[in-house]
């Protein structure tokens, strides 16, 4: 058992199961999550590990994802049943635990929360959630550049704005929206607006979101 598996072992496993473009994304999330963790004084090694492991189950078949979720006792709702791909984050955490013997719950939670988020998720989970959207291979649109700027100013504001970015895409493409995405967005907005919580640098929330 280990807190995190050897990086080269994970990369070898991934190289047999995901395309090169996805590995590029995974490496981008690993780097970006680590950078955000260091910026906010969090555990960089844990963030990088969660980033490296976050998409282990990305290309699992829908029926396998459902089977794993049921075996794990995860709560399945109508949205997850209709779109099992949303379960790949939870399934990736299961693979990290069972295949790679990861026992650190904070790492496992960050993997499981990277797609839908979760109200009250840890700051480490926030870094991976944000990094999954803003890592370099996602592109350089104005919206993404604004998210990257926000990610360095206020961690919770970045979670909220990342959720908004995802919701906009889901609405425009007429995709299913899981309720947890909305709950995560509202929680992060509340945290960002609270003077008692969040990680803010010199910019105020008004400057970030103007």
C-alpha atoms as a PDB file:
ATOM      1  CA  UNK A   1       0.000   0.000   0.000  1.00  0.00           C
ATOM      2  CA  UNK A   2       1.155   3.528  -0.725  1.00  0.00           C
ATOM      3  CA  UNK A   3       0.097   7.140  -0.656  1.00  0.00           C
ATOM      4  CA  UNK A   4       0.837   7.370  -4.377  1.00  0.00           C
ATOM      5  CA  UNK A   5       2.154   4.891  -6.947  1.00  0.00           C
ATOM      6  CA  UNK A   6       5.361   5.342  -8.937  1.00  0.00           C
ATOM      7  CA  UNK A   7       4.730   7.753 -11.772  1.00  0.00           C
ATOM      8  CA  UNK A   8       6.329   5.575 -14.447  1.00  0.00           C
ATOM      9  CA  UNK A   9       4.086   2.639 -13.517  1.00  0.00           C
ATOM     10  CA  UNK A  10       0.963   4.759 -13.919  1.00  0.00           C
ATOM     11  CA  UNK A  11       2.158   6.169 -17.244  1.00  0.00           C
ATOM     12  CA  UNK A  12       2.914   2.665 -18.552  1.00  0.00           C
ATOM     13  CA  UNK A  13      -0.585   1.532 -17.527  1.00  0.00           C
ATOM     14  CA  UNK A  14      -2.170   4.561 -19.176  1.00  0.00           C
ATOM     15  CA  UNK A  15      -0.183   4.178 -22.395  1.00  0.00           C
ATOM     16  CA  UNK A  16      -1.942   0.860 -23.012  1.00  0.00           C
ATOM     17  CA  UNK A  17      -5.427   2.185 -22.310  1.00  0.00           C
ATOM     18  CA  UNK A  18      -5.787   5.809 -23.415  1.00  0.00           C
ATOM     19  CA  UNK A  19      -4.750   7.710 -26.583  1.00  0.00           C
ATOM     20  CA  UNK A  20      -1.761  10.023 -26.687  1.00  0.00           C
ATOM     21  CA  UNK A  21      -3.948  13.134 -26.684  1.00  0.00           C
ATOM     22  CA  UNK A  22      -5.534  12.052 -23.414  1.00  0.00           C
ATOM     23  CA  UNK A  23      -2.128  11.415 -21.846  1.00  0.00           C
ATOM     24  CA  UNK A  24      -1.133  14.954 -22.846  1.00  0.00           C
ATOM     25  CA  UNK A  25      -4.232  16.211 -21.033  1.00  0.00           C
ATOM     26  CA  UNK A  26      -3.483  14.065 -17.987  1.00  0.00           C
ATOM     27  CA  UNK A  27       0.065  15.409 -17.776  1.00  0.00           C
ATOM     28  CA  UNK A  28      -1.315  18.925 -18.079  1.00  0.00           C
ATOM     29  CA  UNK A  29      -3.694  18.325 -15.174  1.00  0.00           C
ATOM     30  CA  UNK A  30      -0.865  16.805 -13.128  1.00  0.00           C
ATOM     31  CA  UNK A  31       1.284  19.911 -13.672  1.00  0.00           C
ATOM     32  CA  UNK A  32      -1.493  22.482 -13.258  1.00  0.00           C
ATOM     33  CA  UNK A  33      -2.920  20.899 -10.110  1.00  0.00           C
ATOM     34  CA  UNK A  34       0.573  20.820  -8.619  1.00  0.00           C
ATOM     35  CA  UNK A  35       1.179  24.453  -9.530  1.00  0.00           C
ATOM     36  CA  UNK A  36      -2.125  25.528  -7.951  1.00  0.00           C
ATOM     37  CA  UNK A  37      -1.409  23.519  -4.813  1.00  0.00           C
ATOM     38  CA  UNK A  38       2.000  25.145  -4.435  1.00  0.00           C
ATOM     39  CA  UNK A  39       0.481  28.590  -5.057  1.00  0.00           C
ATOM     40  CA  UNK A  40      -2.027  28.092  -2.228  1.00  0.00           C
ATOM     41  CA  UNK A  41       0.310  26.336   0.198  1.00  0.00           C
ATOM     42  CA  UNK A  42      -1.285  22.899  -0.231  1.00  0.00           C
ATOM     43  CA  UNK A  43       0.393  19.512  -0.666  1.00  0.00           C
ATOM     44  CA  UNK A  44       1.847  19.690  -4.171  1.00  0.00           C
ATOM     45  CA  UNK A  45       2.795  16.003  -4.319  1.00  0.00           C
ATOM     46  CA  UNK A  46      -0.761  14.940  -3.492  1.00  0.00           C
ATOM     47  CA  UNK A  47      -2.223  17.301  -6.087  1.00  0.00           C
ATOM     48  CA  UNK A  48       0.139  16.057  -8.780  1.00  0.00           C
ATOM     49  CA  UNK A  49      -0.637  12.449  -7.904  1.00  0.00           C
ATOM     50  CA  UNK A  50      -4.392  13.037  -8.073  1.00  0.00           C
ATOM     51  CA  UNK A  51      -3.934  14.819 -11.406  1.00  0.00           C
ATOM     52  CA  UNK A  52      -1.940  11.920 -12.824  1.00  0.00           C
ATOM     53  CA  UNK A  53      -4.567   9.402 -11.705  1.00  0.00           C
ATOM     54  CA  UNK A  54      -7.734  11.373 -12.407  1.00  0.00           C
ATOM     55  CA  UNK A  55      -8.645   9.803 -15.768  1.00  0.00           C
ATOM     56  CA  UNK A  56      -7.706   6.158 -15.243  1.00  0.00           C
ATOM     57  CA  UNK A  57     -11.226   5.033 -16.147  1.00  0.00           C
ATOM     58  CA  UNK A  58     -11.869   7.652 -18.859  1.00  0.00           C
ATOM     59  CA  UNK A  59     -12.278   5.052 -21.605  1.00  0.00           C
ATOM     60  CA  UNK A  60     -14.047   2.338 -19.650  1.00  0.00           C
ATOM     61  CA  UNK A  61     -17.242   1.063 -21.271  1.00  0.00           C
ATOM     62  CA  UNK A  62     -20.529   2.447 -19.878  1.00  0.00           C
ATOM     63  CA  UNK A  63     -21.660  -0.919 -18.560  1.00  0.00           C
ATOM     64  CA  UNK A  64     -18.366  -1.423 -16.737  1.00  0.00           C
ATOM     65  CA  UNK A  65     -18.682   2.014 -15.125  1.00  0.00           C
ATOM     66  CA  UNK A  66     -22.196   1.177 -13.945  1.00  0.00           C
ATOM     67  CA  UNK A  67     -21.057  -2.222 -12.706  1.00  0.00           C
ATOM     68  CA  UNK A  68     -18.198  -0.689 -10.722  1.00  0.00           C
ATOM     69  CA  UNK A  69     -20.482   1.957  -9.247  1.00  0.00           C
ATOM     70  CA  UNK A  70     -23.020  -0.617  -8.120  1.00  0.00           C
ATOM     71  CA  UNK A  71     -20.342  -2.866  -6.652  1.00  0.00           C
ATOM     72  CA  UNK A  72     -18.970   0.117  -4.740  1.00  0.00           C
ATOM     73  CA  UNK A  73     -22.426   0.996  -3.437  1.00  0.00           C
ATOM     74  CA  UNK A  74     -22.476   4.415  -5.068  1.00  0.00           C
ATOM     75  CA  UNK A  75     -25.810   6.160  -5.331  1.00  0.00           C
ATOM     76  CA  UNK A  76     -27.037   6.103  -8.918  1.00  0.00           C
ATOM     77  CA  UNK A  77     -29.637   8.582 -10.118  1.00  0.00           C
ATOM     78  CA  UNK A  78     -31.396   8.985 -13.456  1.00  0.00           C
ATOM     79  CA  UNK A  79     -28.703  11.292 -14.868  1.00  0.00           C
ATOM     80  CA  UNK A  80     -25.900   8.869 -14.063  1.00  0.00           C
ATOM     81  CA  UNK A  81     -27.890   5.949 -15.418  1.00  0.00           C
ATOM     82  CA  UNK A  82     -28.488   7.836 -18.663  1.00  0.00           C
ATOM     83  CA  UNK A  83     -24.888   9.056 -18.937  1.00  0.00           C
ATOM     84  CA  UNK A  84     -22.558   6.542 -17.235  1.00  0.00           C
ATOM     85  CA  UNK A  85     -19.502   8.419 -18.487  1.00  0.00           C
ATOM     86  CA  UNK A  86     -20.064  10.832 -15.592  1.00  0.00           C
ATOM     87  CA  UNK A  87     -19.020   7.935 -13.355  1.00  0.00           C
ATOM     88  CA  UNK A  88     -15.498   7.785 -14.772  1.00  0.00           C
ATOM     89  CA  UNK A  89     -14.194  10.020 -11.974  1.00  0.00           C
ATOM     90  CA  UNK A  90     -15.522   7.726  -9.253  1.00  0.00           C
ATOM     91  CA  UNK A  91     -14.325   4.695 -11.205  1.00  0.00           C
ATOM     92  CA  UNK A  92     -10.861   6.233 -11.571  1.00  0.00           C
ATOM     93  CA  UNK A  93     -10.648   6.577  -7.784  1.00  0.00           C
ATOM     94  CA  UNK A  94     -11.614   2.913  -7.442  1.00  0.00           C
ATOM     95  CA  UNK A  95      -8.868   1.907  -9.905  1.00  0.00           C
ATOM     96  CA  UNK A  96      -6.343   4.087  -8.061  1.00  0.00           C
ATOM     97  CA  UNK A  97      -7.235   2.335  -4.825  1.00  0.00           C
ATOM     98  CA  UNK A  98      -7.505  -1.238  -6.086  1.00  0.00           C
ATOM     99  CA  UNK A  99      -4.962  -1.314  -8.922  1.00  0.00           C
ATOM    100  CA  UNK A 100      -2.362   1.107  -7.590  1.00  0.00           C
ATOM    101  CA  UNK A 101      -2.974   0.681  -3.841  1.00  0.00           C
ATOM    102  CA  UNK A 102      -3.521   4.380  -3.161  1.00  0.00           C
ATOM    103  CA  UNK A 103      -4.732   4.743   0.418  1.00  0.00           C
ATOM    104  CA  UNK A 104      -4.636   8.512   0.915  1.00  0.00           C
ATOM    105  CA  UNK A 105      -8.302   9.480   1.076  1.00  0.00           C
ATOM    106  CA  UNK A 106      -7.652  13.087   0.109  1.00  0.00           C
ATOM    107  CA  UNK A 107      -6.054  11.932  -3.159  1.00  0.00           C
ATOM    108  CA  UNK A 108      -8.886   9.479  -3.816  1.00  0.00           C
ATOM    109  CA  UNK A 109     -11.494  12.160  -3.128  1.00  0.00           C
ATOM    110  CA  UNK A 110      -9.759  14.617  -5.465  1.00  0.00           C
ATOM    111  CA  UNK A 111      -9.878  12.006  -8.245  1.00  0.00           C
ATOM    112  CA  UNK A 112     -13.540  11.188  -7.574  1.00  0.00           C
ATOM    113  CA  UNK A 113     -14.568  14.865  -7.463  1.00  0.00           C
ATOM    114  CA  UNK A 114     -12.777  16.118 -10.564  1.00  0.00           C
ATOM    115  CA  UNK A 115     -15.776  16.004 -12.932  1.00  0.00           C
ATOM    116  CA  UNK A 116     -18.873  17.011 -10.962  1.00  0.00           C
ATOM    117  CA  UNK A 117     -17.195  18.550  -7.951  1.00  0.00           C
ATOM    118  CA  UNK A 118     -18.856  18.295  -4.566  1.00  0.00           C
ATOM    119  CA  UNK A 119     -20.016  20.826  -2.002  1.00  0.00           C
ATOM    120  CA  UNK A 120     -17.533  21.043   0.885  1.00  0.00           C
ATOM    121  CA  UNK A 121     -14.805  19.300  -1.103  1.00  0.00           C
ATOM    122  CA  UNK A 122     -11.262  19.866   0.083  1.00  0.00           C
ATOM    123  CA  UNK A 123      -8.995  22.551  -1.308  1.00  0.00           C
ATOM    124  CA  UNK A 124      -6.905  19.771  -2.841  1.00  0.00           C
ATOM    125  CA  UNK A 125     -10.001  18.543  -4.687  1.00  0.00           C
ATOM    126  CA  UNK A 126     -10.584  22.109  -5.852  1.00  0.00           C
ATOM    127  CA  UNK A 127      -7.143  22.239  -7.482  1.00  0.00           C
ATOM    128  CA  UNK A 128      -7.781  19.086  -9.551  1.00  0.00           C
ATOM    129  CA  UNK A 129     -11.328  20.168 -10.427  1.00  0.00           C
ATOM    130  CA  UNK A 130     -10.004  23.473 -11.780  1.00  0.00           C
ATOM    131  CA  UNK A 131      -6.911  21.976 -13.421  1.00  0.00           C
ATOM    132  CA  UNK A 132      -9.045  19.540 -15.427  1.00  0.00           C
ATOM    133  CA  UNK A 133     -10.548  22.525 -17.248  1.00  0.00           C
ATOM    134  CA  UNK A 134      -7.674  25.006 -17.485  1.00  0.00           C
ATOM    135  CA  UNK A 135      -4.630  22.820 -18.214  1.00  0.00           C
ATOM    136  CA  UNK A 136      -2.673  24.085 -21.260  1.00  0.00           C
ATOM    137  CA  UNK A 137      -3.863  21.588 -23.885  1.00  0.00           C
ATOM    138  CA  UNK A 138      -7.456  22.807 -23.457  1.00  0.00           C
ATOM    139  CA  UNK A 139      -6.574  25.839 -25.578  1.00  0.00           C
ATOM    140  CA  UNK A 140      -6.221  29.610 -25.216  1.00  0.00           C
ATOM    141  CA  UNK A 141      -9.693  31.065 -25.570  1.00  0.00           C
ATOM    142  CA  UNK A 142     -10.557  34.285 -23.783  1.00  0.00           C
ATOM    143  CA  UNK A 143     -12.784  32.363 -21.369  1.00  0.00           C
ATOM    144  CA  UNK A 144     -10.054  29.893 -20.475  1.00  0.00           C
ATOM    145  CA  UNK A 145      -7.488  32.640 -20.023  1.00  0.00           C
ATOM    146  CA  UNK A 146      -9.888  34.406 -17.643  1.00  0.00           C
ATOM    147  CA  UNK A 147     -10.314  31.178 -15.688  1.00  0.00           C
ATOM    148  CA  UNK A 148      -6.545  30.757 -15.475  1.00  0.00           C
ATOM    149  CA  UNK A 149      -6.222  34.272 -14.098  1.00  0.00           C
ATOM    150  CA  UNK A 150      -9.000  33.663 -11.581  1.00  0.00           C
ATOM    151  CA  UNK A 151      -7.408  30.396 -10.464  1.00  0.00           C
ATOM    152  CA  UNK A 152      -4.430  32.327  -9.114  1.00  0.00           C
ATOM    153  CA  UNK A 153      -6.506  34.879  -7.227  1.00  0.00           C
ATOM    154  CA  UNK A 154      -9.224  32.994  -5.363  1.00  0.00           C
ATOM    155  CA  UNK A 155      -9.517  29.211  -5.260  1.00  0.00           C
ATOM    156  CA  UNK A 156     -13.253  29.093  -4.609  1.00  0.00           C
ATOM    157  CA  UNK A 157     -14.064  31.778  -7.179  1.00  0.00           C
ATOM    158  CA  UNK A 158     -12.194  29.653  -9.701  1.00  0.00           C
ATOM    159  CA  UNK A 159     -14.288  26.585  -8.786  1.00  0.00           C
ATOM    160  CA  UNK A 160     -17.466  28.622  -9.175  1.00  0.00           C
ATOM    161  CA  UNK A 161     -16.392  30.095 -12.522  1.00  0.00           C
ATOM    162  CA  UNK A 162     -15.187  26.696 -13.764  1.00  0.00           C
ATOM    163  CA  UNK A 163     -18.622  25.319 -12.912  1.00  0.00           C
ATOM    164  CA  UNK A 164     -20.259  28.170 -14.823  1.00  0.00           C
ATOM    165  CA  UNK A 165     -17.989  27.451 -17.804  1.00  0.00           C
ATOM    166  CA  UNK A 166     -19.021  23.786 -17.761  1.00  0.00           C
ATOM    167  CA  UNK A 167     -22.708  24.609 -17.319  1.00  0.00           C
ATOM    168  CA  UNK A 168     -22.626  26.965 -20.291  1.00  0.00           C
ATOM    169  CA  UNK A 169     -21.147  24.234 -22.464  1.00  0.00           C
ATOM    170  CA  UNK A 170     -23.660  21.653 -21.256  1.00  0.00           C
ATOM    171  CA  UNK A 171     -26.567  23.997 -21.942  1.00  0.00           C
ATOM    172  CA  UNK A 172     -25.308  24.912 -25.395  1.00  0.00           C
ATOM    173  CA  UNK A 173     -24.783  21.259 -26.353  1.00  0.00           C
ATOM    174  CA  UNK A 174     -28.054  20.111 -24.767  1.00  0.00           C
ATOM    175  CA  UNK A 175     -26.285  17.616 -22.535  1.00  0.00           C
ATOM    176  CA  UNK A 176     -27.482  16.225 -19.234  1.00  0.00           C
ATOM    177  CA  UNK A 177     -26.578  18.343 -16.206  1.00  0.00           C
ATOM    178  CA  UNK A 178     -26.016  16.506 -12.971  1.00  0.00           C
ATOM    179  CA  UNK A 179     -27.445  18.281  -9.889  1.00  0.00           C
ATOM    180  CA  UNK A 180     -24.074  18.019  -8.159  1.00  0.00           C
ATOM    181  CA  UNK A 181     -22.571  20.428 -10.686  1.00  0.00           C
ATOM    182  CA  UNK A 182     -25.116  23.054  -9.659  1.00  0.00           C
ATOM    183  CA  UNK A 183     -24.644  22.330  -5.957  1.00  0.00           C
ATOM    184  CA  UNK A 184     -20.872  22.628  -6.364  1.00  0.00           C
ATOM    185  CA  UNK A 185     -21.260  25.931  -8.186  1.00  0.00           C
ATOM    186  CA  UNK A 186     -23.498  27.432  -5.519  1.00  0.00           C
ATOM    187  CA  UNK A 187     -21.275  26.211  -2.678  1.00  0.00           C
ATOM    188  CA  UNK A 188     -18.138  27.645  -4.309  1.00  0.00           C
ATOM    189  CA  UNK A 189     -19.867  30.973  -4.948  1.00  0.00           C
ATOM    190  CA  UNK A 190     -20.874  31.158  -1.293  1.00  0.00           C
ATOM    191  CA  UNK A 191     -17.338  30.325  -0.184  1.00  0.00           C
ATOM    192  CA  UNK A 192     -15.810  32.892  -2.547  1.00  0.00           C
ATOM    193  CA  UNK A 193     -18.079  35.633  -1.196  1.00  0.00           C
ATOM    194  CA  UNK A 194     -17.429  34.840   2.449  1.00  0.00           C
ATOM    195  CA  UNK A 195     -14.720  36.930   4.154  1.00  0.00           C
ATOM    196  CA  UNK A 196     -13.995  34.017   6.498  1.00  0.00           C
ATOM    197  CA  UNK A 197     -13.190  31.412   3.855  1.00  0.00           C
ATOM    198  CA  UNK A 198     -11.271  30.986   0.656  1.00  0.00           C
ATOM    199  CA  UNK A 199      -7.740  31.652  -0.469  1.00  0.00           C
ATOM    200  CA  UNK A 200      -7.498  35.166  -1.852  1.00  0.00           C
ATOM    201  CA  UNK A 201      -4.461  37.112  -2.962  1.00  0.00           C
ATOM    202  CA  UNK A 202      -4.344  40.860  -3.381  1.00  0.00           C
ATOM    203  CA  UNK A 203      -7.213  41.095  -5.861  1.00  0.00           C
ATOM    204  CA  UNK A 204     -10.707  41.426  -4.520  1.00  0.00           C
ATOM    205  CA  UNK A 205     -13.548  39.212  -5.737  1.00  0.00           C
ATOM    206  CA  UNK A 206     -15.016  42.221  -7.532  1.00  0.00           C
ATOM    207  CA  UNK A 207     -11.810  42.671  -9.536  1.00  0.00           C
ATOM    208  CA  UNK A 208     -11.682  38.974 -10.408  1.00  0.00           C
ATOM    209  CA  UNK A 209     -15.232  38.818 -11.680  1.00  0.00           C
ATOM    210  CA  UNK A 210     -15.590  42.221 -13.295  1.00  0.00           C
END
